[in-house]
């Protein structure tokens, strides 16, 4: 599970599915992985991953019950690395059309049902088209295919945070970056070589962060 000097990544366990596969994929990419079920588990880690296959409203209830809601918000506000995957990415925004759920509010915008989609849920491989270069996708060719499972996708208020888009019916934002906050609608842990390269890039960004999280507070 990663070498002793590898970044320590906490995968938040808040009742969402897909915990095992994302943990294994991160470990294969070189991380030391811990499962975080409460705030205490975040004290000596370098990055957070918010995974998820499920629905927004129950996810928010679980985060609150586990005491992870405000610690997660504070982590991101302090500029510490955080990656949201699928539902985890959707939770970063203000609201979700799914059951009209209030979500974390870390990014402006809301999550809506995919429009003009030929099938729902959107399941399977689809191309990811880059809007602008970003180290998160270093070494990954534009138009590479990643694996998706979803019926909703965020609409950011600020188009400037989008780094990639995907088309299923209409085009939607499939990846965003704002500072050290990263969100993707696809599942890198299910996306074969491109997904492993993506996770390796994320770990390199974590490792190169100027102020590691170990026992210190980031201003």
N, C-alpha and C. Protein backbone atom coordinates (compact mmCIF):
# COMPACT_ATOMS: atom_id res chain seq x y z
N UNK A 1 0.84 -1.20 0.00
CA UNK A 1 0.00 0.00 0.00
C UNK A 1 0.88 1.25 0.00
N UNK A 2 1.74 1.39 -1.02
CA UNK A 2 2.56 2.59 -1.11
C UNK A 2 3.80 2.50 -0.26
N UNK A 3 4.84 3.21 -0.66
CA UNK A 3 6.09 3.23 0.10
C UNK A 3 5.96 4.15 1.30
N UNK A 4 6.89 4.05 2.28
CA UNK A 4 6.80 4.89 3.47
C UNK A 4 6.75 6.39 3.18
N UNK A 5 7.38 6.84 2.09
CA UNK A 5 7.36 8.27 1.76
C UNK A 5 6.22 8.67 0.87
N UNK A 6 5.32 7.75 0.55
CA UNK A 6 4.21 8.05 -0.37
C UNK A 6 3.17 8.93 0.30
N UNK A 7 2.43 9.71 -0.48
CA UNK A 7 1.36 10.52 0.09
C UNK A 7 0.33 9.64 0.80
N UNK A 8 -0.15 10.13 1.92
CA UNK A 8 -1.21 9.43 2.66
C UNK A 8 -2.54 10.04 2.24
N UNK A 9 -3.42 9.21 1.71
CA UNK A 9 -4.70 9.68 1.18
C UNK A 9 -5.83 9.04 1.98
N UNK A 10 -6.70 9.88 2.50
CA UNK A 10 -7.88 9.40 3.22
C UNK A 10 -9.06 9.33 2.26
N UNK A 11 -9.67 8.16 2.15
CA UNK A 11 -10.89 7.99 1.37
C UNK A 11 -12.05 8.06 2.34
N UNK A 12 -12.94 9.05 2.13
CA UNK A 12 -14.04 9.25 3.06
C UNK A 12 -15.08 8.16 2.90
N UNK A 13 -15.37 7.48 4.00
CA UNK A 13 -16.41 6.44 4.02
C UNK A 13 -17.64 7.04 4.68
N UNK A 14 -18.61 7.43 3.85
CA UNK A 14 -19.83 8.05 4.39
C UNK A 14 -21.06 7.30 3.90
N UNK A 15 -20.87 5.99 3.65
CA UNK A 15 -22.00 5.17 3.26
C UNK A 15 -22.18 5.03 1.77
N UNK A 16 -21.32 5.67 0.98
CA UNK A 16 -21.43 5.56 -0.48
C UNK A 16 -20.75 4.28 -0.94
N UNK A 17 -21.13 3.84 -2.13
CA UNK A 17 -20.56 2.62 -2.68
C UNK A 17 -19.20 2.90 -3.32
N UNK A 18 -18.53 1.84 -3.71
CA UNK A 18 -17.29 1.89 -4.50
C UNK A 18 -16.05 2.17 -3.68
N UNK A 19 -16.10 1.96 -2.38
CA UNK A 19 -14.96 2.24 -1.52
C UNK A 19 -13.76 1.35 -1.83
N UNK A 20 -14.00 0.07 -2.02
CA UNK A 20 -12.90 -0.88 -2.20
C UNK A 20 -12.11 -0.58 -3.46
N UNK A 21 -12.80 -0.36 -4.58
CA UNK A 21 -12.10 -0.18 -5.85
C UNK A 21 -11.29 1.10 -5.90
N UNK A 22 -11.79 2.18 -5.31
CA UNK A 22 -11.01 3.43 -5.34
C UNK A 22 -9.80 3.30 -4.42
N UNK A 23 -9.94 2.63 -3.29
CA UNK A 23 -8.80 2.42 -2.42
C UNK A 23 -7.71 1.59 -3.08
N UNK A 24 -8.12 0.54 -3.77
CA UNK A 24 -7.15 -0.31 -4.47
C UNK A 24 -6.45 0.45 -5.59
N UNK A 25 -7.21 1.26 -6.33
CA UNK A 25 -6.63 2.02 -7.44
C UNK A 25 -5.63 3.06 -6.94
N UNK A 26 -5.95 3.73 -5.85
CA UNK A 26 -5.02 4.71 -5.27
C UNK A 26 -3.76 4.02 -4.77
N UNK A 27 -3.91 2.87 -4.13
CA UNK A 27 -2.75 2.12 -3.66
C UNK A 27 -1.88 1.69 -4.84
N UNK A 28 -2.50 1.24 -5.92
CA UNK A 28 -1.75 0.84 -7.11
C UNK A 28 -1.01 2.02 -7.74
N UNK A 29 -1.58 3.22 -7.58
CA UNK A 29 -0.94 4.43 -8.12
C UNK A 29 0.18 4.95 -7.22
N UNK A 30 0.31 4.36 -6.00
CA UNK A 30 1.42 4.72 -5.14
C UNK A 30 1.07 5.38 -3.83
N UNK A 31 -0.22 5.47 -3.50
CA UNK A 31 -0.63 6.12 -2.25
C UNK A 31 -0.63 5.14 -1.09
N UNK A 32 -0.47 5.67 0.11
CA UNK A 32 -0.82 4.95 1.32
C UNK A 32 -2.24 5.37 1.66
N UNK A 33 -3.15 4.42 1.68
CA UNK A 33 -4.57 4.71 1.78
C UNK A 33 -5.10 4.39 3.16
N UNK A 34 -5.87 5.33 3.71
CA UNK A 34 -6.59 5.08 4.95
C UNK A 34 -8.07 5.36 4.68
N UNK A 35 -8.93 4.67 5.40
CA UNK A 35 -10.36 4.90 5.29
C UNK A 35 -10.79 5.81 6.44
N UNK A 36 -11.44 6.91 6.10
CA UNK A 36 -11.84 7.90 7.10
C UNK A 36 -13.33 7.79 7.37
N UNK A 37 -13.67 7.39 8.59
CA UNK A 37 -15.07 7.31 8.99
C UNK A 37 -15.43 8.42 9.97
N UNK A 38 -14.45 9.21 10.38
CA UNK A 38 -14.70 10.32 11.29
C UNK A 38 -13.60 11.36 11.13
N UNK A 39 -13.77 12.49 11.78
CA UNK A 39 -12.84 13.61 11.60
C UNK A 39 -11.44 13.29 12.11
N UNK A 40 -11.33 12.45 13.12
CA UNK A 40 -10.01 12.14 13.69
C UNK A 40 -9.10 11.50 12.64
N UNK A 41 -9.68 10.79 11.68
CA UNK A 41 -8.88 10.11 10.65
C UNK A 41 -8.24 11.07 9.67
N UNK A 42 -8.61 12.35 9.73
CA UNK A 42 -8.07 13.34 8.79
C UNK A 42 -6.85 14.07 9.34
N UNK A 43 -6.44 13.75 10.54
CA UNK A 43 -5.43 14.56 11.22
C UNK A 43 -4.04 14.42 10.62
N UNK A 44 -3.67 13.28 10.11
CA UNK A 44 -2.31 13.09 9.63
C UNK A 44 -2.28 12.51 8.22
N UNK A 45 -3.05 13.14 7.34
CA UNK A 45 -3.08 12.70 5.94
C UNK A 45 -2.74 13.89 5.05
N UNK A 46 -2.38 13.58 3.80
CA UNK A 46 -1.97 14.61 2.85
C UNK A 46 -3.08 15.04 1.91
N UNK A 47 -4.07 14.18 1.71
CA UNK A 47 -5.13 14.49 0.76
C UNK A 47 -6.38 13.71 1.11
N UNK A 48 -7.51 14.22 0.63
CA UNK A 48 -8.79 13.54 0.79
C UNK A 48 -9.34 13.15 -0.57
N UNK A 49 -10.01 12.02 -0.61
CA UNK A 49 -10.79 11.62 -1.78
C UNK A 49 -12.22 11.39 -1.32
N UNK A 50 -13.15 12.05 -1.99
CA UNK A 50 -14.57 11.89 -1.71
C UNK A 50 -15.15 11.07 -2.86
N UNK A 51 -15.33 9.75 -2.67
CA UNK A 51 -15.84 8.91 -3.75
C UNK A 51 -17.36 8.95 -3.78
N UNK A 52 -17.96 8.04 -4.50
CA UNK A 52 -19.40 7.95 -4.36
C UNK A 52 -20.13 7.38 -5.53
N UNK A 53 -20.99 6.43 -5.25
CA UNK A 53 -22.02 5.97 -6.16
C UNK A 53 -23.28 5.95 -5.32
N UNK A 54 -24.20 6.85 -5.60
CA UNK A 54 -25.39 6.95 -4.77
C UNK A 54 -26.13 8.24 -5.04
N UNK A 55 -26.83 8.73 -4.04
CA UNK A 55 -27.67 9.91 -4.18
C UNK A 55 -27.20 11.01 -3.24
N UNK A 56 -27.44 12.26 -3.64
CA UNK A 56 -26.90 13.41 -2.92
C UNK A 56 -27.47 13.55 -1.51
N UNK A 57 -28.77 13.45 -1.36
CA UNK A 57 -29.38 13.71 -0.05
C UNK A 57 -28.91 12.70 1.01
N UNK A 58 -28.97 11.38 0.75
CA UNK A 58 -28.45 10.44 1.75
C UNK A 58 -26.97 10.64 2.03
N UNK A 59 -26.20 11.02 1.00
CA UNK A 59 -24.77 11.25 1.20
C UNK A 59 -24.54 12.38 2.18
N UNK A 60 -25.30 13.46 2.05
CA UNK A 60 -25.14 14.59 2.97
C UNK A 60 -25.55 14.20 4.39
N UNK A 61 -26.59 13.39 4.53
CA UNK A 61 -27.01 12.91 5.86
C UNK A 61 -25.90 12.09 6.49
N UNK A 62 -25.28 11.21 5.72
CA UNK A 62 -24.20 10.37 6.25
C UNK A 62 -22.99 11.20 6.64
N UNK A 63 -22.62 12.17 5.81
CA UNK A 63 -21.49 13.04 6.15
C UNK A 63 -21.73 13.75 7.48
N UNK A 64 -22.96 14.22 7.66
CA UNK A 64 -23.29 14.92 8.92
C UNK A 64 -23.25 13.95 10.10
N UNK A 65 -23.82 12.76 9.94
CA UNK A 65 -23.85 11.78 11.02
C UNK A 65 -22.45 11.34 11.42
N UNK A 66 -21.54 11.25 10.44
CA UNK A 66 -20.16 10.82 10.70
C UNK A 66 -19.30 11.95 11.24
N UNK A 67 -19.85 13.15 11.34
CA UNK A 67 -19.07 14.29 11.80
C UNK A 67 -18.04 14.74 10.79
N UNK A 68 -18.28 14.47 9.50
CA UNK A 68 -17.31 14.80 8.46
C UNK A 68 -17.67 16.05 7.67
N UNK A 69 -18.87 16.57 7.86
CA UNK A 69 -19.35 17.67 7.02
C UNK A 69 -18.47 18.91 7.15
N UNK A 70 -18.35 19.45 8.36
CA UNK A 70 -17.54 20.66 8.54
C UNK A 70 -16.05 20.40 8.41
N UNK A 71 -15.52 19.27 8.91
CA UNK A 71 -14.10 18.99 8.66
C UNK A 71 -13.76 18.95 7.17
N UNK A 72 -14.63 18.39 6.36
CA UNK A 72 -14.39 18.37 4.91
C UNK A 72 -14.41 19.79 4.34
N UNK A 73 -15.40 20.57 4.73
CA UNK A 73 -15.45 21.96 4.26
C UNK A 73 -14.20 22.73 4.68
N UNK A 74 -13.80 22.56 5.93
CA UNK A 74 -12.63 23.29 6.43
C UNK A 74 -11.35 22.86 5.71
N UNK A 75 -11.25 21.56 5.44
CA UNK A 75 -10.08 21.04 4.72
C UNK A 75 -9.92 21.77 3.39
N UNK A 76 -11.02 21.84 2.65
CA UNK A 76 -10.97 22.47 1.33
C UNK A 76 -10.72 23.97 1.44
N UNK A 77 -11.35 24.62 2.40
CA UNK A 77 -11.17 26.06 2.57
C UNK A 77 -9.74 26.42 2.92
N UNK A 78 -9.01 25.49 3.55
CA UNK A 78 -7.61 25.73 3.89
C UNK A 78 -6.67 25.39 2.73
N UNK A 79 -7.22 25.01 1.59
CA UNK A 79 -6.40 24.78 0.41
C UNK A 79 -5.69 23.46 0.37
N UNK A 80 -6.17 22.48 1.13
CA UNK A 80 -5.56 21.15 1.12
C UNK A 80 -6.12 20.32 -0.03
N UNK A 81 -5.33 19.42 -0.60
CA UNK A 81 -5.76 18.68 -1.78
C UNK A 81 -6.97 17.78 -1.51
N UNK A 82 -7.94 17.86 -2.40
CA UNK A 82 -9.16 17.08 -2.26
C UNK A 82 -9.68 16.72 -3.65
N UNK A 83 -9.98 15.45 -3.86
CA UNK A 83 -10.51 14.96 -5.13
C UNK A 83 -11.90 14.38 -4.91
N UNK A 84 -12.88 14.89 -5.67
CA UNK A 84 -14.23 14.34 -5.64
C UNK A 84 -14.49 13.54 -6.90
N UNK A 85 -15.05 12.35 -6.75
CA UNK A 85 -15.31 11.45 -7.86
C UNK A 85 -16.80 11.17 -7.95
N UNK A 86 -17.38 11.39 -9.13
CA UNK A 86 -18.79 11.11 -9.42
C UNK A 86 -19.69 11.84 -8.41
N UNK A 87 -20.38 11.13 -7.53
CA UNK A 87 -21.22 11.79 -6.54
C UNK A 87 -20.39 12.73 -5.67
N UNK A 88 -19.16 12.34 -5.32
CA UNK A 88 -18.29 13.21 -4.53
C UNK A 88 -18.05 14.54 -5.21
N UNK A 89 -17.87 14.53 -6.52
CA UNK A 89 -17.72 15.76 -7.32
C UNK A 89 -19.00 16.59 -7.26
N UNK A 90 -20.14 15.95 -7.43
CA UNK A 90 -21.42 16.68 -7.41
C UNK A 90 -21.66 17.35 -6.06
N UNK A 91 -21.21 16.70 -4.99
CA UNK A 91 -21.44 17.26 -3.65
C UNK A 91 -20.69 18.56 -3.42
N UNK A 92 -19.65 18.85 -4.21
CA UNK A 92 -18.88 20.08 -4.03
C UNK A 92 -19.71 21.33 -4.31
N UNK A 93 -20.80 21.20 -5.06
CA UNK A 93 -21.57 22.36 -5.49
C UNK A 93 -22.66 22.71 -4.48
N UNK A 94 -23.49 23.71 -4.81
CA UNK A 94 -24.42 24.24 -3.81
C UNK A 94 -25.68 23.41 -3.62
N UNK A 95 -26.24 22.92 -4.73
CA UNK A 95 -27.48 22.15 -4.64
C UNK A 95 -27.47 21.08 -5.72
N UNK A 96 -28.31 20.08 -5.52
CA UNK A 96 -28.53 19.05 -6.54
C UNK A 96 -30.01 18.97 -6.85
N UNK A 97 -30.32 18.87 -8.13
CA UNK A 97 -31.70 18.66 -8.56
C UNK A 97 -32.25 17.34 -8.05
N UNK A 98 -31.36 16.42 -7.75
CA UNK A 98 -31.77 15.11 -7.24
C UNK A 98 -32.34 15.29 -5.83
N UNK A 99 -33.66 15.21 -5.72
CA UNK A 99 -34.37 15.41 -4.45
C UNK A 99 -34.17 16.82 -3.89
N UNK A 100 -33.76 17.76 -4.75
CA UNK A 100 -33.55 19.15 -4.34
C UNK A 100 -32.68 19.23 -3.08
N UNK A 101 -31.57 18.53 -3.10
CA UNK A 101 -30.70 18.43 -1.93
C UNK A 101 -29.73 19.60 -1.85
N UNK A 102 -29.57 20.14 -0.66
CA UNK A 102 -28.49 21.11 -0.42
C UNK A 102 -27.19 20.34 -0.26
N UNK A 103 -26.14 20.79 -0.96
CA UNK A 103 -24.87 20.07 -0.89
C UNK A 103 -23.80 20.97 -0.26
N UNK A 104 -22.54 20.69 -0.44
CA UNK A 104 -21.49 21.28 0.39
C UNK A 104 -21.26 22.78 0.16
N UNK A 105 -21.55 23.27 -1.03
CA UNK A 105 -21.38 24.70 -1.29
C UNK A 105 -19.93 25.15 -1.40
N UNK A 106 -19.03 24.24 -1.73
CA UNK A 106 -17.62 24.61 -1.89
C UNK A 106 -17.36 25.27 -3.23
N UNK A 107 -18.21 24.99 -4.19
CA UNK A 107 -18.14 25.61 -5.51
C UNK A 107 -19.52 26.17 -5.87
N UNK A 108 -19.53 27.30 -6.58
CA UNK A 108 -20.79 27.86 -7.03
C UNK A 108 -21.38 27.04 -8.17
N UNK A 109 -22.69 26.81 -8.12
CA UNK A 109 -23.35 26.06 -9.17
C UNK A 109 -24.21 24.96 -8.60
N UNK A 110 -24.85 24.22 -9.48
CA UNK A 110 -25.75 23.16 -9.03
C UNK A 110 -25.63 21.95 -9.95
N UNK A 111 -26.08 20.84 -9.44
CA UNK A 111 -26.07 19.59 -10.19
C UNK A 111 -27.45 19.35 -10.77
N UNK A 112 -27.50 19.07 -12.09
CA UNK A 112 -28.78 18.89 -12.76
C UNK A 112 -28.81 17.54 -13.49
N UNK A 113 -30.00 17.09 -13.80
CA UNK A 113 -30.18 15.87 -14.59
C UNK A 113 -29.67 16.11 -16.00
N UNK A 114 -28.98 15.13 -16.55
CA UNK A 114 -28.45 15.26 -17.91
C UNK A 114 -29.57 15.54 -18.89
N UNK A 115 -29.35 16.51 -19.77
CA UNK A 115 -30.38 16.93 -20.72
C UNK A 115 -30.17 16.26 -22.08
N UNK A 116 -31.27 15.86 -22.69
CA UNK A 116 -31.27 15.24 -24.03
C UNK A 116 -30.40 13.98 -24.09
N UNK A 117 -30.23 13.32 -22.95
CA UNK A 117 -29.40 12.12 -22.92
C UNK A 117 -30.10 10.98 -23.65
N UNK A 118 -29.39 10.27 -24.53
CA UNK A 118 -30.02 9.14 -25.23
C UNK A 118 -30.38 7.99 -24.29
N UNK A 119 -29.64 7.85 -23.18
CA UNK A 119 -29.93 6.84 -22.16
C UNK A 119 -29.63 7.43 -20.79
N UNK A 120 -30.40 7.01 -19.80
CA UNK A 120 -30.13 7.36 -18.41
C UNK A 120 -30.35 6.11 -17.56
N UNK A 121 -29.44 5.82 -16.66
CA UNK A 121 -28.19 6.55 -16.44
C UNK A 121 -27.22 6.42 -17.60
N UNK A 122 -26.29 7.35 -17.64
CA UNK A 122 -25.18 7.32 -18.60
C UNK A 122 -24.16 6.33 -18.05
N UNK A 123 -24.07 5.16 -18.67
CA UNK A 123 -23.17 4.12 -18.19
C UNK A 123 -22.25 3.69 -19.31
N UNK A 124 -20.95 3.70 -19.03
CA UNK A 124 -19.99 3.18 -19.99
C UNK A 124 -18.89 4.16 -20.31
N UNK A 125 -18.13 3.82 -21.34
CA UNK A 125 -16.96 4.61 -21.74
C UNK A 125 -17.37 5.79 -22.59
N UNK A 126 -16.74 6.94 -22.33
CA UNK A 126 -16.99 8.13 -23.14
C UNK A 126 -15.74 8.98 -23.15
N UNK A 127 -15.62 9.79 -24.19
CA UNK A 127 -14.41 10.61 -24.35
C UNK A 127 -14.47 11.84 -23.45
N UNK A 128 -13.30 12.25 -23.00
CA UNK A 128 -13.14 13.46 -22.18
C UNK A 128 -12.33 14.45 -23.00
N UNK A 129 -12.97 15.57 -23.33
CA UNK A 129 -12.35 16.59 -24.19
C UNK A 129 -11.85 17.73 -23.31
N UNK A 130 -10.57 18.07 -23.44
CA UNK A 130 -9.99 19.09 -22.58
C UNK A 130 -10.41 20.49 -23.00
N UNK A 131 -10.76 21.29 -22.01
CA UNK A 131 -11.07 22.70 -22.21
C UNK A 131 -9.80 23.54 -22.14
N UNK A 132 -8.92 23.15 -21.25
CA UNK A 132 -7.62 23.82 -21.08
C UNK A 132 -6.64 22.82 -20.48
N UNK A 133 -5.35 23.05 -20.67
CA UNK A 133 -4.36 22.13 -20.09
C UNK A 133 -4.37 22.20 -18.57
N UNK A 134 -4.11 21.07 -17.94
CA UNK A 134 -3.98 21.04 -16.48
C UNK A 134 -3.12 19.85 -16.11
N UNK A 135 -2.24 20.01 -15.10
CA UNK A 135 -1.37 18.90 -14.67
C UNK A 135 -2.14 17.65 -14.27
N UNK A 136 -3.41 17.79 -13.91
CA UNK A 136 -4.22 16.64 -13.53
C UNK A 136 -4.34 15.64 -14.69
N UNK A 137 -4.23 16.13 -15.91
CA UNK A 137 -4.35 15.27 -17.09
C UNK A 137 -3.03 15.16 -17.85
N UNK A 138 -1.92 15.43 -17.19
CA UNK A 138 -0.61 15.35 -17.86
C UNK A 138 -0.38 13.96 -18.44
N UNK A 139 0.06 13.91 -19.69
CA UNK A 139 0.36 12.63 -20.33
C UNK A 139 -0.85 11.85 -20.80
N UNK A 140 -2.04 12.42 -20.66
CA UNK A 140 -3.28 11.76 -21.10
C UNK A 140 -3.76 12.46 -22.36
N UNK A 141 -3.85 11.77 -23.48
CA UNK A 141 -4.26 12.43 -24.73
C UNK A 141 -5.67 13.01 -24.66
N UNK A 142 -5.86 14.15 -25.29
CA UNK A 142 -7.18 14.75 -25.40
C UNK A 142 -8.11 13.76 -26.10
N UNK A 143 -9.33 13.63 -25.57
CA UNK A 143 -10.28 12.70 -26.15
C UNK A 143 -10.18 11.28 -25.59
N UNK A 144 -9.31 11.07 -24.61
CA UNK A 144 -9.20 9.74 -24.00
C UNK A 144 -10.54 9.33 -23.38
N UNK A 145 -10.76 8.03 -23.32
CA UNK A 145 -12.02 7.51 -22.80
C UNK A 145 -11.89 7.13 -21.32
N UNK A 146 -12.90 7.53 -20.57
CA UNK A 146 -13.02 7.21 -19.15
C UNK A 146 -14.40 6.59 -18.92
N UNK A 147 -14.56 5.95 -17.76
CA UNK A 147 -15.80 5.22 -17.47
C UNK A 147 -16.74 6.07 -16.62
N UNK A 148 -18.01 6.14 -17.06
CA UNK A 148 -19.02 6.96 -16.39
C UNK A 148 -20.19 6.09 -15.91
N UNK A 149 -20.76 6.48 -14.76
CA UNK A 149 -22.02 5.91 -14.27
C UNK A 149 -22.75 7.03 -13.55
N UNK A 150 -23.71 7.68 -14.23
CA UNK A 150 -24.41 8.80 -13.58
C UNK A 150 -25.62 9.23 -14.41
N UNK A 151 -26.52 9.97 -13.75
CA UNK A 151 -27.67 10.59 -14.42
C UNK A 151 -27.67 12.10 -14.25
N UNK A 152 -26.78 12.61 -13.39
CA UNK A 152 -26.71 14.03 -13.09
C UNK A 152 -25.27 14.52 -13.29
N UNK A 153 -25.13 15.82 -13.50
CA UNK A 153 -23.80 16.41 -13.63
C UNK A 153 -23.86 17.87 -13.22
N UNK A 154 -22.78 18.40 -12.63
CA UNK A 154 -22.77 19.79 -12.19
C UNK A 154 -22.73 20.79 -13.35
N UNK A 155 -23.31 21.95 -13.07
CA UNK A 155 -23.21 23.12 -13.94
C UNK A 155 -22.53 24.22 -13.12
N UNK A 156 -21.22 24.41 -13.26
CA UNK A 156 -20.54 25.43 -12.44
C UNK A 156 -20.99 26.85 -12.80
N UNK A 157 -21.04 27.71 -11.81
CA UNK A 157 -21.29 29.13 -12.07
C UNK A 157 -20.14 29.75 -12.82
N UNK A 158 -18.94 29.35 -12.50
CA UNK A 158 -17.73 29.89 -13.11
C UNK A 158 -17.20 28.91 -14.15
N UNK A 159 -17.36 29.24 -15.42
CA UNK A 159 -16.86 28.36 -16.49
C UNK A 159 -15.35 28.19 -16.43
N UNK A 160 -14.68 29.11 -15.77
CA UNK A 160 -13.22 29.08 -15.72
C UNK A 160 -12.65 27.92 -14.95
N UNK A 161 -13.46 27.25 -14.11
CA UNK A 161 -12.93 26.12 -13.35
C UNK A 161 -12.99 24.82 -14.15
N UNK A 162 -13.70 24.82 -15.28
CA UNK A 162 -13.82 23.60 -16.09
C UNK A 162 -12.50 23.30 -16.79
N UNK A 163 -12.07 22.05 -16.72
CA UNK A 163 -10.88 21.63 -17.47
C UNK A 163 -11.21 20.57 -18.51
N UNK A 164 -12.42 19.97 -18.45
CA UNK A 164 -12.79 18.98 -19.44
C UNK A 164 -14.31 18.90 -19.55
N UNK A 165 -14.75 18.49 -20.73
CA UNK A 165 -16.18 18.30 -20.99
C UNK A 165 -16.39 16.96 -21.68
N UNK A 166 -17.60 16.45 -21.56
CA UNK A 166 -17.99 15.18 -22.19
C UNK A 166 -19.40 15.36 -22.74
N UNK A 167 -19.71 14.66 -23.81
CA UNK A 167 -21.03 14.78 -24.43
C UNK A 167 -21.79 13.47 -24.31
N UNK A 168 -22.98 13.56 -23.71
CA UNK A 168 -23.94 12.46 -23.69
C UNK A 168 -25.30 13.13 -23.82
N UNK A 169 -25.79 13.27 -25.05
CA UNK A 169 -26.89 14.18 -25.32
C UNK A 169 -26.30 15.56 -25.50
N UNK A 170 -26.36 16.37 -24.44
CA UNK A 170 -25.66 17.66 -24.44
C UNK A 170 -24.30 17.53 -23.76
N UNK A 171 -23.44 18.49 -24.04
CA UNK A 171 -22.13 18.55 -23.39
C UNK A 171 -22.29 18.92 -21.92
N UNK A 172 -21.49 18.30 -21.05
CA UNK A 172 -21.49 18.66 -19.63
C UNK A 172 -20.04 18.73 -19.14
N UNK A 173 -19.85 19.43 -18.04
CA UNK A 173 -18.51 19.59 -17.47
C UNK A 173 -18.15 18.30 -16.73
N UNK A 174 -17.11 17.63 -17.19
CA UNK A 174 -16.74 16.34 -16.60
C UNK A 174 -15.51 16.41 -15.70
N UNK A 175 -14.86 17.60 -15.64
CA UNK A 175 -13.74 17.76 -14.70
C UNK A 175 -13.56 19.24 -14.40
N UNK A 176 -13.31 19.54 -13.13
CA UNK A 176 -13.04 20.91 -12.69
C UNK A 176 -11.80 20.94 -11.81
N UNK A 177 -11.15 22.09 -11.79
CA UNK A 177 -10.04 22.34 -10.87
C UNK A 177 -10.18 23.75 -10.35
N UNK A 178 -10.16 23.89 -9.04
CA UNK A 178 -10.08 25.22 -8.41
C UNK A 178 -9.09 25.13 -7.27
N UNK A 179 -7.89 25.70 -7.49
CA UNK A 179 -6.84 25.56 -6.49
C UNK A 179 -6.47 24.11 -6.31
N UNK A 180 -6.58 23.61 -5.07
CA UNK A 180 -6.27 22.21 -4.77
C UNK A 180 -7.52 21.35 -4.67
N UNK A 181 -8.64 21.88 -5.20
CA UNK A 181 -9.90 21.14 -5.22
C UNK A 181 -10.11 20.60 -6.64
N UNK A 182 -10.24 19.28 -6.74
CA UNK A 182 -10.37 18.61 -8.03
C UNK A 182 -11.66 17.79 -8.04
N UNK A 183 -12.40 17.87 -9.13
CA UNK A 183 -13.61 17.07 -9.24
C UNK A 183 -13.77 16.47 -10.62
N UNK A 184 -14.17 15.20 -10.67
CA UNK A 184 -14.38 14.53 -11.95
C UNK A 184 -15.67 13.72 -11.90
N UNK A 185 -16.41 13.75 -13.02
CA UNK A 185 -17.65 12.99 -13.07
C UNK A 185 -17.40 11.52 -13.39
N UNK A 186 -16.31 11.22 -14.05
CA UNK A 186 -16.00 9.83 -14.39
C UNK A 186 -15.36 9.11 -13.20
N UNK A 187 -15.19 7.80 -13.37
CA UNK A 187 -14.57 6.97 -12.33
C UNK A 187 -13.16 6.59 -12.77
N UNK A 188 -12.13 7.25 -12.28
CA UNK A 188 -10.77 6.87 -12.67
C UNK A 188 -10.42 5.45 -12.26
N UNK A 189 -10.99 4.98 -11.14
CA UNK A 189 -10.67 3.63 -10.65
C UNK A 189 -11.24 2.55 -11.56
N UNK A 190 -12.14 2.91 -12.49
CA UNK A 190 -12.71 1.95 -13.44
C UNK A 190 -12.25 2.23 -14.88
N UNK A 191 -11.29 3.13 -15.02
CA UNK A 191 -10.94 3.65 -16.35
C UNK A 191 -9.60 3.17 -16.87
N UNK A 192 -9.17 1.99 -16.44
CA UNK A 192 -8.00 1.31 -16.99
C UNK A 192 -6.76 2.22 -16.96
N UNK A 193 -5.98 2.21 -18.03
CA UNK A 193 -4.69 2.90 -18.04
C UNK A 193 -4.84 4.41 -17.87
N UNK A 194 -5.83 5.00 -18.55
CA UNK A 194 -6.03 6.46 -18.43
C UNK A 194 -6.39 6.83 -16.99
N UNK A 195 -7.20 6.00 -16.34
CA UNK A 195 -7.57 6.27 -14.96
C UNK A 195 -6.41 6.17 -14.01
N UNK A 196 -5.54 5.18 -14.20
CA UNK A 196 -4.36 5.05 -13.34
C UNK A 196 -3.40 6.21 -13.55
N UNK A 197 -3.26 6.65 -14.80
CA UNK A 197 -2.40 7.81 -15.06
C UNK A 197 -2.97 9.05 -14.37
N UNK A 198 -4.28 9.20 -14.43
CA UNK A 198 -4.96 10.32 -13.77
C UNK A 198 -4.69 10.30 -12.27
N UNK A 199 -4.86 9.15 -11.63
CA UNK A 199 -4.63 9.06 -10.18
C UNK A 199 -3.16 9.30 -9.84
N UNK A 200 -2.25 8.82 -10.69
CA UNK A 200 -0.83 9.11 -10.49
C UNK A 200 -0.55 10.59 -10.56
N UNK A 201 -1.20 11.29 -11.50
CA UNK A 201 -1.04 12.74 -11.60
C UNK A 201 -1.55 13.44 -10.33
N UNK A 202 -2.70 12.97 -9.84
CA UNK A 202 -3.23 13.55 -8.60
C UNK A 202 -2.26 13.37 -7.45
N UNK A 203 -1.68 12.18 -7.33
CA UNK A 203 -0.73 11.94 -6.24
C UNK A 203 0.53 12.79 -6.39
N UNK A 204 0.97 13.03 -7.63
CA UNK A 204 2.13 13.91 -7.83
C UNK A 204 1.81 15.34 -7.41
N UNK A 205 0.59 15.79 -7.69
CA UNK A 205 0.19 17.12 -7.25
C UNK A 205 0.14 17.20 -5.73
N UNK A 206 -0.34 16.14 -5.10
CA UNK A 206 -0.37 16.09 -3.64
C UNK A 206 1.04 16.14 -3.08
N UNK A 207 1.94 15.33 -3.65
CA UNK A 207 3.32 15.26 -3.15
C UNK A 207 4.06 16.57 -3.32
N UNK A 208 3.71 17.32 -4.35
CA UNK A 208 4.42 18.57 -4.62
C UNK A 208 3.79 19.78 -3.94
N UNK A 209 2.72 19.54 -3.18
CA UNK A 209 2.09 20.64 -2.45
C UNK A 209 3.11 21.30 -1.52
N UNK A 210 3.08 22.60 -1.47
CA UNK A 210 4.14 23.32 -0.75
C UNK A 210 4.10 23.12 0.74
N UNK A 211 2.91 22.84 1.31
CA UNK A 211 2.79 22.69 2.76
C UNK A 211 2.05 21.39 3.06
N UNK A 212 2.78 20.29 3.31
CA UNK A 212 2.14 19.04 3.64
C UNK A 212 1.23 19.17 4.86
N UNK A 213 0.22 18.30 4.92
CA UNK A 213 -0.77 18.39 5.98
C UNK A 213 -0.30 17.76 7.28
N UNK A 214 0.78 16.98 7.27
CA UNK A 214 1.17 16.23 8.46
C UNK A 214 1.31 17.11 9.69
N UNK A 215 0.33 17.03 10.57
CA UNK A 215 0.41 17.67 11.86
C UNK A 215 0.46 19.19 11.82
N UNK A 216 0.27 19.80 10.65
CA UNK A 216 0.37 21.25 10.56
C UNK A 216 -0.88 21.80 9.93
N UNK A 217 -1.14 23.06 10.20
CA UNK A 217 -2.32 23.72 9.67
C UNK A 217 -1.93 24.56 8.48
N UNK A 218 -2.70 24.46 7.42
CA UNK A 218 -2.41 25.23 6.21
C UNK A 218 -3.21 26.49 6.23
N UNK A 219 -2.55 27.62 6.03
CA UNK A 219 -3.26 28.89 6.09
C UNK A 219 -4.03 29.12 4.81
